[in-house]
Amino acid sequence: MIDAQDWYENEVPGLGRRFRAAVDAVVERIGANPRQFPVIYKDVRRALLRRFPYALMFVIEADESLTIIACFHGSRDPAHWQKRTLTTGGALACYAGFRGFSARGARNKVMNPGRRGRKR
């Protein structure tokens, strides 16, 4: 996700911030009503970003917490994120602790949640 944000920012100044805002908006929608999003693979649900060809893939855990497993470009091979469902790792650490989101075995790239000055 950081790579995508940086790529957009390098293409057009400010576009990376708009990408991050789109991710934050969809995370808010997921947190408000996660079952509104379709199940697309096993128990994985997909929430599409507005204006960007990306989706957040997430699961609703048994304890009703949410785990985001991928921020995925629509043109990529789904096998990349599908294999994350086979392990306990792969959650995006940028939303750890955010309204029930977990980051079990989170990846190394952690997005700075304070970039936009919002408290979480």
Protein backbone atom coordinates (compact mmCIF):
# COMPACT_ATOMS: atom_id res chain seq x y z
CA MET A 1 0.00 0.00 0.00
CA ILE A 2 2.88 2.35 0.75
CA ASP A 3 4.37 1.60 -2.66
CA ALA A 4 1.07 2.46 -4.37
CA GLN A 5 0.71 5.66 -2.36
CA ASP A 6 4.27 6.69 -3.21
CA TRP A 7 3.77 5.84 -6.90
CA TYR A 8 0.64 8.00 -7.12
CA GLU A 9 2.38 10.85 -5.28
CA ASN A 10 5.30 10.70 -7.74
CA GLU A 11 2.91 10.76 -10.71
CA VAL A 12 0.90 13.79 -9.54
CA PRO A 13 1.61 15.76 -6.37
CA GLY A 14 -1.26 15.22 -3.93
CA LEU A 15 -2.57 12.08 -5.63
CA GLY A 16 -0.85 9.85 -3.07
CA ARG A 17 -2.72 11.66 -0.30
CA ARG A 18 -5.98 11.18 -2.20
CA PHE A 19 -5.19 7.46 -2.53
CA ARG A 20 -4.62 7.22 1.22
CA ALA A 21 -7.87 9.12 1.85
CA ALA A 22 -9.72 6.62 -0.37
CA VAL A 23 -8.20 3.74 1.64
CA ASP A 24 -9.17 5.41 4.91
CA ALA A 25 -12.73 5.96 3.64
CA VAL A 26 -13.19 2.33 2.68
CA VAL A 27 -11.75 1.22 6.03
CA GLU A 28 -14.38 3.39 7.74
CA ARG A 29 -17.09 1.74 5.63
CA ILE A 30 -15.75 -1.72 6.46
CA GLY A 31 -15.69 -0.88 10.16
CA ALA A 32 -19.25 0.44 10.07
CA ASN A 33 -20.80 -2.55 8.27
CA PRO A 34 -18.39 -5.26 7.09
CA ARG A 35 -21.13 -7.60 5.87
CA GLN A 36 -22.18 -5.15 3.15
CA PHE A 37 -19.19 -6.29 1.09
CA PRO A 38 -19.35 -9.46 -1.03
CA VAL A 39 -17.55 -12.68 -0.21
CA ILE A 40 -15.29 -13.38 -3.17
CA TYR A 41 -13.09 -16.27 -2.05
CA LYS A 42 -13.72 -18.64 0.85
CA ASP A 43 -14.47 -16.19 3.70
CA VAL A 44 -12.60 -13.23 2.15
CA ARG A 45 -14.62 -10.10 1.40
CA ARG A 46 -13.72 -7.32 -1.05
CA ALA A 47 -14.19 -3.58 -0.55
CA LEU A 48 -13.46 -1.49 -3.65
CA LEU A 49 -11.76 1.89 -3.41
CA ARG A 50 -13.43 4.80 -5.16
CA ARG A 51 -11.46 6.41 -8.01
CA PHE A 52 -8.57 3.93 -7.77
CA PRO A 53 -8.30 0.41 -9.22
CA TYR A 54 -7.62 -1.14 -5.79
CA ALA A 55 -9.58 -3.21 -3.31
CA LEU A 56 -9.11 -4.13 0.33
CA MET A 57 -9.49 -7.85 1.00
CA PHE A 58 -10.55 -8.69 4.55
CA VAL A 59 -12.07 -11.41 6.70
CA ILE A 60 -14.45 -11.30 9.63
CA GLU A 61 -12.90 -13.41 12.39
CA ALA A 62 -14.86 -15.70 14.74
CA ASP A 63 -14.70 -13.04 17.48
CA GLU A 64 -16.15 -10.46 15.02
CA SER A 65 -12.81 -8.64 14.68
CA LEU A 66 -11.69 -7.76 11.15
CA THR A 67 -8.40 -8.62 9.49
CA ILE A 68 -7.36 -6.84 6.30
CA ILE A 69 -5.21 -9.25 4.34
CA ALA A 70 -4.44 -7.19 1.23
CA CYS A 71 -4.67 -3.86 -0.54
CA PHE A 72 -4.73 -5.20 -4.05
CA HIS A 73 -4.59 -3.70 -7.56
CA GLY A 74 -7.41 -5.00 -9.72
CA SER A 75 -5.08 -6.06 -12.55
CA ARG A 76 -2.87 -8.33 -10.45
CA ASP A 77 -3.13 -12.10 -10.19
CA PRO A 78 -5.48 -12.95 -7.30
CA ALA A 79 -3.23 -15.86 -6.33
CA HIS A 80 -0.97 -13.30 -4.61
CA TRP A 81 -3.55 -12.41 -1.96
CA GLN A 82 -5.33 -15.78 -1.96
CA LYS A 83 -2.24 -17.51 -0.60
CA ARG A 84 -2.36 -15.11 2.38
CA THR A 85 -5.62 -16.79 3.42
CA LEU A 86 -3.78 -20.07 3.88
CA THR A 87 -1.50 -18.74 6.61
CA THR A 88 -2.04 -16.72 9.75
CA GLY A 89 0.19 -13.91 8.45
CA GLY A 90 -0.39 -11.29 5.85
CA ALA A 91 -2.52 -8.70 7.60
CA LEU A 92 -1.80 -5.06 6.90
CA ALA A 93 -0.25 -3.53 10.01
CA CYS A 94 -1.40 -0.01 9.18
CA TYR A 95 -4.84 -0.73 10.63
CA ALA A 96 -3.79 -2.68 13.70
CA GLY A 97 -5.98 -1.73 16.61
CA PHE A 98 -8.33 0.32 14.43
CA ARG A 99 -11.91 -0.49 15.39
CA GLY A 100 -11.39 -4.21 15.81
CA PHE A 101 -8.93 -4.67 12.98
CA SER A 102 -6.13 -7.09 13.78
CA ALA A 103 -2.69 -7.40 12.28
CA ARG A 104 -1.92 -11.00 13.03
CA GLY A 105 1.56 -11.70 11.68
CA ALA A 106 1.62 -8.31 10.02
CA ARG A 107 3.93 -7.57 7.12
CA ASN A 108 7.09 -5.50 7.52
CA LYS A 109 5.81 -2.38 5.77
CA VAL A 110 3.82 -0.40 8.30
CA MET A 111 2.04 2.70 7.11
CA ASN A 112 2.30 5.66 9.44
CA PRO A 113 -1.27 6.18 10.73
CA GLY A 114 -0.43 9.71 11.88
CA ARG A 115 0.46 11.02 8.41
CA ARG A 116 -2.74 12.96 8.06
CA GLY A 117 -2.81 14.16 11.65
CA ARG A 118 -5.74 11.99 12.70
CA LYS A 119 -5.70 10.21 16.03
CA ARG A 120 -6.51 6.55 16.04
